[in-house]
Protein backbone atom coordinates (compact mmCIF):
# COMPACT_ATOMS: atom_id res chain seq x y z
CA UNK A 1 -154.16 -101.00 -106.43
CA UNK A 2 -156.35 -103.69 -104.83
CA UNK A 3 -154.84 -106.39 -102.72
CA UNK A 4 -155.64 -108.97 -105.39
CA UNK A 5 -153.99 -106.96 -108.18
CA UNK A 6 -150.96 -106.30 -105.99
CA UNK A 7 -150.53 -110.04 -105.33
CA UNK A 8 -150.84 -110.83 -109.04
CA UNK A 9 -148.26 -108.16 -109.86
CA UNK A 10 -145.82 -109.52 -107.29
CA UNK A 11 -146.29 -113.08 -108.56
CA UNK A 12 -145.62 -111.90 -112.10
CA UNK A 13 -142.37 -110.25 -111.00
CA UNK A 14 -141.34 -113.41 -109.18
CA UNK A 15 -142.05 -115.42 -112.33
CA UNK A 16 -139.91 -113.11 -114.44
CA UNK A 17 -137.05 -113.33 -111.98
CA UNK A 18 -137.35 -117.10 -111.87
CA UNK A 19 -137.46 -117.37 -115.67
CA UNK A 20 -134.43 -115.09 -115.94
CA UNK A 21 -132.58 -117.32 -113.50
CA UNK A 22 -133.36 -120.38 -115.57
CA UNK A 23 -132.05 -118.65 -118.69
CA UNK A 24 -128.88 -117.63 -116.86
CA UNK A 25 -128.37 -121.15 -115.56
CA UNK A 26 -128.91 -122.53 -119.03
CA UNK A 27 -126.31 -120.15 -120.37
CA UNK A 28 -123.85 -121.13 -117.65
CA UNK A 29 -124.28 -124.88 -117.89
CA UNK A 30 -125.00 -125.11 -121.62
CA UNK A 31 -122.82 -122.44 -123.22
CA UNK A 32 -123.17 -121.59 -126.88
CA UNK A 33 -121.40 -124.16 -129.03
CA UNK A 34 -117.84 -123.38 -130.07
CA UNK A 35 -117.45 -124.26 -133.72
CA UNK A 36 -114.18 -125.93 -134.72
CA UNK A 37 -112.01 -124.31 -137.34
CA UNK A 38 -112.69 -125.84 -140.75
CA UNK A 39 -110.16 -128.36 -142.00
CA UNK A 40 -108.09 -127.47 -145.04
CA UNK A 41 -110.03 -129.96 -147.15
CA UNK A 42 -113.29 -128.17 -146.30
CA UNK A 43 -112.13 -124.96 -147.97
CA UNK A 44 -111.41 -126.35 -151.44
CA UNK A 45 -112.94 -128.45 -154.16
CA UNK A 46 -111.18 -131.39 -155.71
CA UNK A 47 -109.68 -130.45 -159.04
CA UNK A 48 -109.96 -126.70 -158.56
CA UNK A 49 -107.37 -124.77 -160.55
CA UNK A 50 -104.52 -123.30 -158.52
CA UNK A 51 -104.22 -119.54 -158.98
CA UNK A 52 -100.64 -118.93 -160.09
CA UNK A 53 -101.14 -115.16 -159.85
CA UNK A 54 -101.20 -115.25 -156.04
CA UNK A 55 -98.40 -113.33 -154.36
CA UNK A 56 -96.98 -116.52 -152.88
CA UNK A 57 -96.61 -118.09 -156.33
CA UNK A 58 -95.17 -114.91 -157.78
CA UNK A 59 -92.57 -114.91 -155.00
CA UNK A 60 -91.88 -118.63 -155.56
CA UNK A 61 -91.32 -118.06 -159.29
CA UNK A 62 -89.01 -115.14 -158.56
CA UNK A 63 -86.88 -117.35 -156.33
CA UNK A 64 -86.84 -120.16 -158.86
CA UNK A 65 -85.73 -117.86 -161.66
CA UNK A 66 -83.27 -115.66 -159.79
CA UNK A 67 -81.73 -118.13 -157.35
CA UNK A 68 -82.05 -121.41 -159.24
CA UNK A 69 -82.01 -120.21 -162.86
CA UNK A 70 -85.27 -121.72 -164.03
CA UNK A 71 -86.61 -120.00 -167.14
CA UNK A 72 -90.12 -118.61 -167.44
CA UNK A 73 -90.83 -121.18 -170.14
CA UNK A 74 -89.76 -124.00 -167.81
CA UNK A 75 -91.96 -122.72 -165.00
CA UNK A 76 -94.90 -122.33 -167.37
CA UNK A 77 -94.48 -125.93 -168.53
CA UNK A 78 -94.20 -127.22 -164.95
CA UNK A 79 -96.95 -125.27 -163.18
CA UNK A 80 -99.57 -124.44 -165.80
CA UNK A 81 -102.83 -126.28 -165.09
CA UNK A 82 -101.93 -127.52 -161.61
CA UNK A 83 -105.02 -128.42 -159.58
CA UNK A 84 -105.91 -129.24 -155.98
CA UNK A 85 -106.03 -132.87 -154.88
CA UNK A 86 -108.50 -132.69 -152.01
CA UNK A 87 -107.76 -136.24 -150.85
CA UNK A 88 -104.21 -135.17 -150.00
CA UNK A 89 -105.60 -132.63 -147.52
CA UNK A 90 -108.01 -135.15 -146.01
CA UNK A 91 -105.21 -137.65 -145.41
CA UNK A 92 -102.83 -135.07 -143.97
CA UNK A 93 -105.24 -134.59 -141.06
CA UNK A 94 -105.66 -138.35 -140.51
CA UNK A 95 -102.08 -139.57 -140.38
CA UNK A 96 -101.48 -143.12 -139.18
CA UNK A 97 -98.95 -142.05 -136.59
CA UNK A 98 -101.80 -140.50 -134.60
CA UNK A 99 -103.23 -143.96 -133.86
CA UNK A 100 -102.47 -145.47 -130.42
CA UNK A 101 -99.62 -147.96 -130.56
CA UNK A 102 -101.80 -151.01 -130.05
CA UNK A 103 -103.56 -150.11 -133.31
CA UNK A 104 -100.55 -148.67 -135.15
CA UNK A 105 -97.98 -151.44 -134.72
CA UNK A 106 -100.13 -154.28 -136.15
CA UNK A 107 -100.28 -152.39 -139.45
CA UNK A 108 -96.60 -153.27 -139.94
CA UNK A 109 -95.84 -156.23 -137.67
CA UNK A 110 -97.68 -158.60 -139.99
CA UNK A 111 -96.75 -162.21 -140.77
CA UNK A 112 -96.25 -161.21 -144.40
CA UNK A 113 -93.87 -158.35 -143.56
CA UNK A 114 -91.88 -160.56 -141.20
CA UNK A 115 -91.67 -163.40 -143.72
CA UNK A 116 -90.72 -161.07 -146.59
CA UNK A 117 -88.16 -159.24 -144.46
CA UNK A 118 -86.42 -162.49 -143.57
CA UNK A 119 -86.31 -163.38 -147.26
CA UNK A 120 -84.86 -159.96 -148.20
CA UNK A 121 -82.14 -160.38 -145.58
CA UNK A 122 -81.24 -163.74 -147.11
CA UNK A 123 -81.55 -162.55 -150.72
CA UNK A 124 -79.41 -159.43 -150.24
CA UNK A 125 -76.91 -160.83 -147.74
CA UNK A 126 -73.82 -159.84 -149.72
CA UNK A 127 -75.14 -156.33 -150.37
CA UNK A 128 -76.05 -155.86 -146.71
CA UNK A 129 -72.59 -157.05 -145.70
CA UNK A 130 -71.13 -154.20 -147.76
CA UNK A 131 -73.61 -151.70 -146.36
CA UNK A 132 -72.86 -152.67 -142.76
CA UNK A 133 -69.13 -152.45 -143.41
CA UNK A 134 -69.44 -149.07 -145.15
CA UNK A 135 -71.96 -147.28 -142.92
CA UNK A 136 -71.98 -149.20 -139.64
CA UNK A 137 -75.78 -149.55 -139.60
CA UNK A 138 -77.43 -152.83 -138.62
CA UNK A 139 -78.96 -154.62 -141.59
CA UNK A 140 -82.16 -155.58 -139.81
CA UNK A 141 -83.12 -151.96 -139.15
CA UNK A 142 -82.38 -150.99 -142.77
CA UNK A 143 -84.62 -153.77 -144.08
CA UNK A 144 -87.31 -152.97 -141.49
CA UNK A 145 -87.52 -149.34 -142.63
CA UNK A 146 -87.71 -150.58 -146.23
CA UNK A 147 -90.60 -152.84 -145.22
CA UNK A 148 -92.50 -150.23 -143.24
CA UNK A 149 -92.11 -147.53 -145.87
CA UNK A 150 -93.03 -149.40 -149.05
CA UNK A 151 -93.48 -153.10 -148.31
CA UNK A 152 -89.99 -153.67 -149.71
CA UNK A 153 -90.58 -151.47 -152.74
CA UNK A 154 -93.98 -152.80 -153.79
CA UNK A 155 -96.04 -149.80 -152.56
CA UNK A 156 -94.39 -146.55 -153.58
CA UNK A 157 -97.54 -144.40 -153.59
CA UNK A 158 -100.20 -143.39 -156.10
CA UNK A 159 -100.24 -139.60 -155.69
CA UNK A 160 -98.49 -137.46 -158.27
CA UNK A 161 -95.75 -135.70 -156.29
CA UNK A 162 -95.88 -132.41 -158.21
CA UNK A 163 -99.63 -132.07 -157.71
CA UNK A 164 -99.33 -133.13 -154.08
CA UNK A 165 -96.68 -130.54 -153.25
CA UNK A 166 -98.60 -127.78 -155.03
CA UNK A 167 -101.76 -128.77 -153.15
CA UNK A 168 -99.97 -128.62 -149.80
CA UNK A 169 -98.20 -125.34 -150.59
CA UNK A 170 -101.39 -123.69 -151.80
CA UNK A 171 -104.06 -125.12 -149.51
CA UNK A 172 -102.46 -126.45 -146.31
CA UNK A 173 -101.61 -123.24 -144.42
CA UNK A 174 -100.32 -124.96 -141.28
CA UNK A 175 -97.24 -126.27 -143.12
CA UNK A 176 -97.21 -124.17 -146.29
CA UNK A 177 -93.66 -122.90 -145.73
CA UNK A 178 -92.34 -126.44 -145.31
CA UNK A 179 -94.00 -127.67 -148.49
CA UNK A 180 -92.87 -124.59 -150.41
CA UNK A 181 -89.28 -125.66 -149.71
CA UNK A 182 -90.10 -129.27 -150.61
CA UNK A 183 -91.51 -128.07 -153.92
CA UNK A 184 -88.28 -126.19 -154.66
CA UNK A 185 -86.15 -129.22 -153.68
CA UNK A 186 -88.34 -131.47 -155.83
CA UNK A 187 -87.79 -129.35 -158.93
CA UNK A 188 -84.06 -129.20 -158.23
CA UNK A 189 -83.72 -132.97 -157.78
CA UNK A 190 -85.68 -133.55 -160.99
CA UNK A 191 -83.23 -131.30 -162.82
CA UNK A 192 -80.25 -132.96 -161.11
CA UNK A 193 -81.43 -136.49 -161.96
CA UNK A 194 -82.86 -135.71 -165.40
CA UNK A 195 -86.41 -136.65 -164.41
CA UNK A 196 -89.61 -135.03 -165.64
CA UNK A 197 -91.43 -133.52 -162.61
CA UNK A 198 -94.73 -134.73 -164.06
CA UNK A 199 -95.66 -138.33 -163.43
CA UNK A 200 -93.44 -139.13 -160.43
CA UNK A 201 -95.69 -140.90 -157.95
CA UNK A 202 -95.47 -140.94 -154.17
CA UNK A 203 -97.34 -140.54 -150.91
CA UNK A 204 -99.98 -138.01 -149.89
CA UNK A 205 -97.18 -136.08 -148.11
CA UNK A 206 -94.91 -135.83 -151.14
CA UNK A 207 -92.54 -138.69 -150.28
CA UNK A 208 -91.45 -141.00 -153.09
CA UNK A 209 -89.41 -144.01 -154.11
CA UNK A 210 -88.74 -147.19 -152.18
CA UNK A 211 -87.23 -145.07 -149.40
CA UNK A 212 -90.17 -142.65 -149.29
CA UNK A 213 -87.76 -139.72 -149.05
CA UNK A 214 -89.22 -136.24 -149.11
CA UNK A 215 -87.40 -134.09 -151.68
CA UNK A 216 -85.03 -132.39 -149.23
CA UNK A 217 -84.06 -135.77 -147.74
CA UNK A 218 -83.37 -137.18 -151.17
CA UNK A 219 -81.02 -134.32 -151.97
CA UNK A 220 -79.17 -134.70 -148.64
CA UNK A 221 -79.04 -138.45 -148.10
CA UNK A 222 -79.73 -140.43 -151.30
CA UNK A 223 -76.58 -142.04 -152.70
CA UNK A 224 -75.59 -144.40 -155.48
CA UNK A 225 -74.27 -147.79 -154.34
CA UNK A 226 -74.65 -149.85 -157.50
CA UNK A 227 -71.60 -148.69 -159.44
CA UNK A 228 -73.10 -145.87 -161.50
CA UNK A 229 -73.43 -142.18 -160.63
CA UNK A 230 -77.24 -142.09 -160.52
CA UNK A 231 -79.08 -141.95 -157.21
CA UNK A 232 -82.01 -144.24 -157.96
CA UNK A 233 -84.30 -144.82 -154.97
CA UNK A 234 -87.06 -146.01 -157.30
CA UNK A 235 -85.53 -149.07 -158.91
CA UNK A 236 -82.04 -149.81 -157.58
CA UNK A 237 -82.09 -151.95 -154.42
CA UNK A 238 -78.42 -151.15 -153.64
CA UNK A 239 -79.17 -147.42 -153.84
CA UNK A 240 -82.33 -147.84 -151.74
CA UNK A 241 -80.73 -149.77 -148.89
CA UNK A 242 -77.50 -147.76 -148.86
CA UNK A 243 -79.47 -144.50 -148.82
CA UNK A 244 -81.44 -145.67 -145.77
CA UNK A 245 -78.20 -146.62 -144.01
CA UNK A 246 -76.53 -143.36 -145.03
CA UNK A 247 -79.42 -141.39 -143.50
CA UNK A 248 -79.21 -143.24 -140.18
CA UNK A 249 -75.43 -142.95 -140.08
CA UNK A 250 -75.71 -139.19 -140.50
CA UNK A 251 -77.81 -139.24 -137.31
CA UNK A 252 -75.15 -141.18 -135.41
CA UNK A 253 -76.39 -144.75 -135.59
CA UNK A 254 -74.00 -147.09 -133.75
CA UNK A 255 -73.56 -150.64 -135.04
CA UNK A 256 -74.62 -153.41 -132.62
CA UNK A 257 -75.65 -150.89 -129.93
CA UNK A 258 -79.01 -151.13 -128.10
CA UNK A 259 -82.03 -149.43 -129.64
CA UNK A 260 -84.35 -149.47 -126.63
CA UNK A 261 -84.84 -151.00 -123.19
CA UNK A 262 -88.06 -151.97 -121.42
CA UNK A 263 -88.95 -149.85 -118.37
CA UNK A 264 -92.18 -151.50 -117.25
CA UNK A 265 -95.71 -150.16 -116.96
CA UNK A 266 -95.18 -147.24 -114.57
CA UNK A 267 -92.65 -144.44 -114.28
CA UNK A 268 -91.29 -143.94 -110.77
CA UNK A 269 -89.73 -140.51 -111.22
CA UNK A 270 -91.59 -137.26 -112.13
CA UNK A 271 -88.71 -136.22 -114.38
CA UNK A 272 -89.22 -139.34 -116.48
CA UNK A 273 -92.96 -138.74 -116.70
CA UNK A 274 -92.32 -135.16 -117.77
CA UNK A 275 -89.89 -136.32 -120.46
CA UNK A 276 -92.40 -138.83 -121.81
CA UNK A 277 -95.04 -136.11 -121.94
CA UNK A 278 -92.77 -133.67 -123.79
CA UNK A 279 -91.84 -136.16 -126.49
CA UNK A 280 -88.83 -137.40 -128.41
CA UNK A 281 -86.54 -134.41 -127.83
CA UNK A 282 -86.81 -134.49 -124.02
CA UNK A 283 -83.79 -136.59 -123.07
CA UNK A 284 -82.76 -137.76 -119.61
CA UNK A 285 -79.56 -139.32 -118.20
CA UNK A 286 -79.51 -143.08 -118.37
CA UNK A 287 -78.29 -143.27 -114.75
CA UNK A 288 -81.44 -141.48 -113.60
CA UNK A 289 -83.56 -144.07 -115.44
CA UNK A 290 -81.60 -146.93 -113.88
CA UNK A 291 -81.90 -145.54 -110.37
CA UNK A 292 -85.54 -144.49 -110.47
CA UNK A 293 -86.82 -147.62 -112.23
CA UNK A 294 -84.46 -149.90 -110.26
CA UNK A 295 -83.36 -151.67 -113.43
CA UNK A 296 -80.10 -152.93 -114.83
CA UNK A 297 -79.97 -151.35 -118.28
CA UNK A 298 -77.38 -151.72 -121.06
CA UNK A 299 -74.93 -148.85 -121.48
CA UNK A 300 -75.57 -146.06 -123.95
CA UNK A 301 -72.88 -145.17 -126.55
CA UNK A 302 -70.71 -142.36 -125.13
CA UNK A 303 -73.11 -142.42 -122.15
CA UNK A 304 -75.55 -140.34 -124.19
CA UNK A 305 -79.03 -139.64 -122.71
CA UNK A 306 -82.20 -141.49 -123.62
CA UNK A 307 -85.77 -140.58 -124.43
CA UNK A 308 -88.76 -141.91 -122.50
CA UNK A 309 -91.40 -143.46 -124.72
CA UNK A 310 -94.94 -144.42 -123.74
CA UNK A 311 -96.65 -146.99 -125.96
CA UNK A 312 -100.42 -147.22 -125.62
CA UNK A 313 -101.83 -150.63 -124.67
CA UNK A 314 -105.28 -151.97 -125.48
CA UNK A 315 -107.97 -150.48 -123.20
CA UNK A 316 -109.37 -152.65 -120.44
CA UNK A 317 -106.13 -153.95 -119.01
CA UNK A 318 -104.46 -153.02 -115.71
CA UNK A 319 -102.08 -150.53 -117.40
CA UNK A 320 -102.54 -147.80 -119.97
CA UNK A 321 -99.02 -147.80 -121.39
CA UNK A 322 -95.81 -149.76 -121.66
CA UNK A 323 -92.68 -147.61 -121.26
CA UNK A 324 -89.31 -147.96 -122.94
CA UNK A 325 -86.08 -146.00 -122.95
CA UNK A 326 -85.17 -144.82 -126.45
CA UNK A 327 -81.41 -145.10 -126.89
CA UNK A 328 -79.47 -142.96 -129.42
CA UNK A 329 -80.15 -145.53 -132.14
CA UNK A 330 -83.87 -145.20 -131.44
CA UNK A 331 -83.47 -141.43 -131.64
CA UNK A 332 -81.82 -141.82 -135.05
CA UNK A 333 -84.94 -143.56 -136.35
CA UNK A 334 -87.10 -140.71 -135.03
CA UNK A 335 -85.03 -138.38 -137.20
CA UNK A 336 -86.24 -140.40 -140.18
CA UNK A 337 -89.84 -140.14 -138.99
CA UNK A 338 -90.54 -137.97 -135.94
CA UNK A 339 -93.04 -140.41 -134.44
CA UNK A 340 -91.95 -142.56 -131.49
CA UNK A 341 -94.61 -145.04 -132.55
CA UNK A 342 -92.99 -145.33 -135.97
CA UNK A 343 -89.55 -145.88 -134.47
CA UNK A 344 -90.85 -148.59 -132.17
CA UNK A 345 -92.73 -150.39 -134.94
CA UNK A 346 -89.59 -150.38 -137.10
CA UNK A 347 -87.52 -151.67 -134.18
CA UNK A 348 -89.94 -154.46 -133.29
CA UNK A 349 -90.17 -155.49 -136.95
CA UNK A 350 -86.37 -155.66 -137.08
CA UNK A 351 -86.39 -157.81 -133.93
CA UNK A 352 -89.01 -160.12 -135.45
CA UNK A 353 -86.68 -160.91 -138.39
CA UNK A 354 -84.37 -162.64 -135.91
CA UNK A 355 -87.01 -164.91 -134.43
């Protein structure tokens, strides 16, 4: 091989090596895209017929007939022709509680809600006196939950509950087991209350009535407080407000006890920061909070521990969050709705009624 050809050959090899290096670098610094898993709503069409011959429906019908004594004719009348509501699946993946607190709270702490809540407290004073005496739950928090859930009964939802629960059981795999049980409880409560399962309206998550109870909560906590034996969370204000109070009492609400305490804009103890990160179930001793934050805080009933709650502030300020201690009463509200943001919005709405 001539010197010229040898040089050209070597340069070609160098070029190949260099090109290979560029490809490797590109692969390292620009890896192949990772495609997200499709959302539940992406896998269905609105209005598509639910296949009742699936194993999961066959097993559901077996349980309903053998354990709960529904007849085949009843099940046929209830389930035949059920279709998917795609909007339910879209909304399930965009729940309000996922918003940062500075965006979430203003949805409920509105002048209209505060004004209407004050009026409801005045209008139903005698009823709320009875509820406080019976259940030991502060009236302001009961009315605040009523306001947050349904604007004091005026917004009870426009999704048919039966269709919603079937949609979530059939096409929302992440929580299919939960909604299977809610579907069973819904059919049982309809039988217990003499209601037709068709036509009951509620939220995109299957909650209904002025309380926005899910079916299992209705069966456990709804009560009659208006002198009859019917639990009516749709139209009876005494039943609505007493059922809210009954729920909170079952989770150990203490009358006139603190709900939360301000902790400032920083947490001084790693254990507190860890508890805030873990969420509502990570409780810490109140004495630890007092000592680490150097604050004088009100006592907790039975010296029970508190949760540490971080509430997101508007971007651009000196601090990212405001921190509060969630007392047992606060924790009771998070049993109603598992979001700390929800519990804080309810609490601040209740406070606003007194101003």
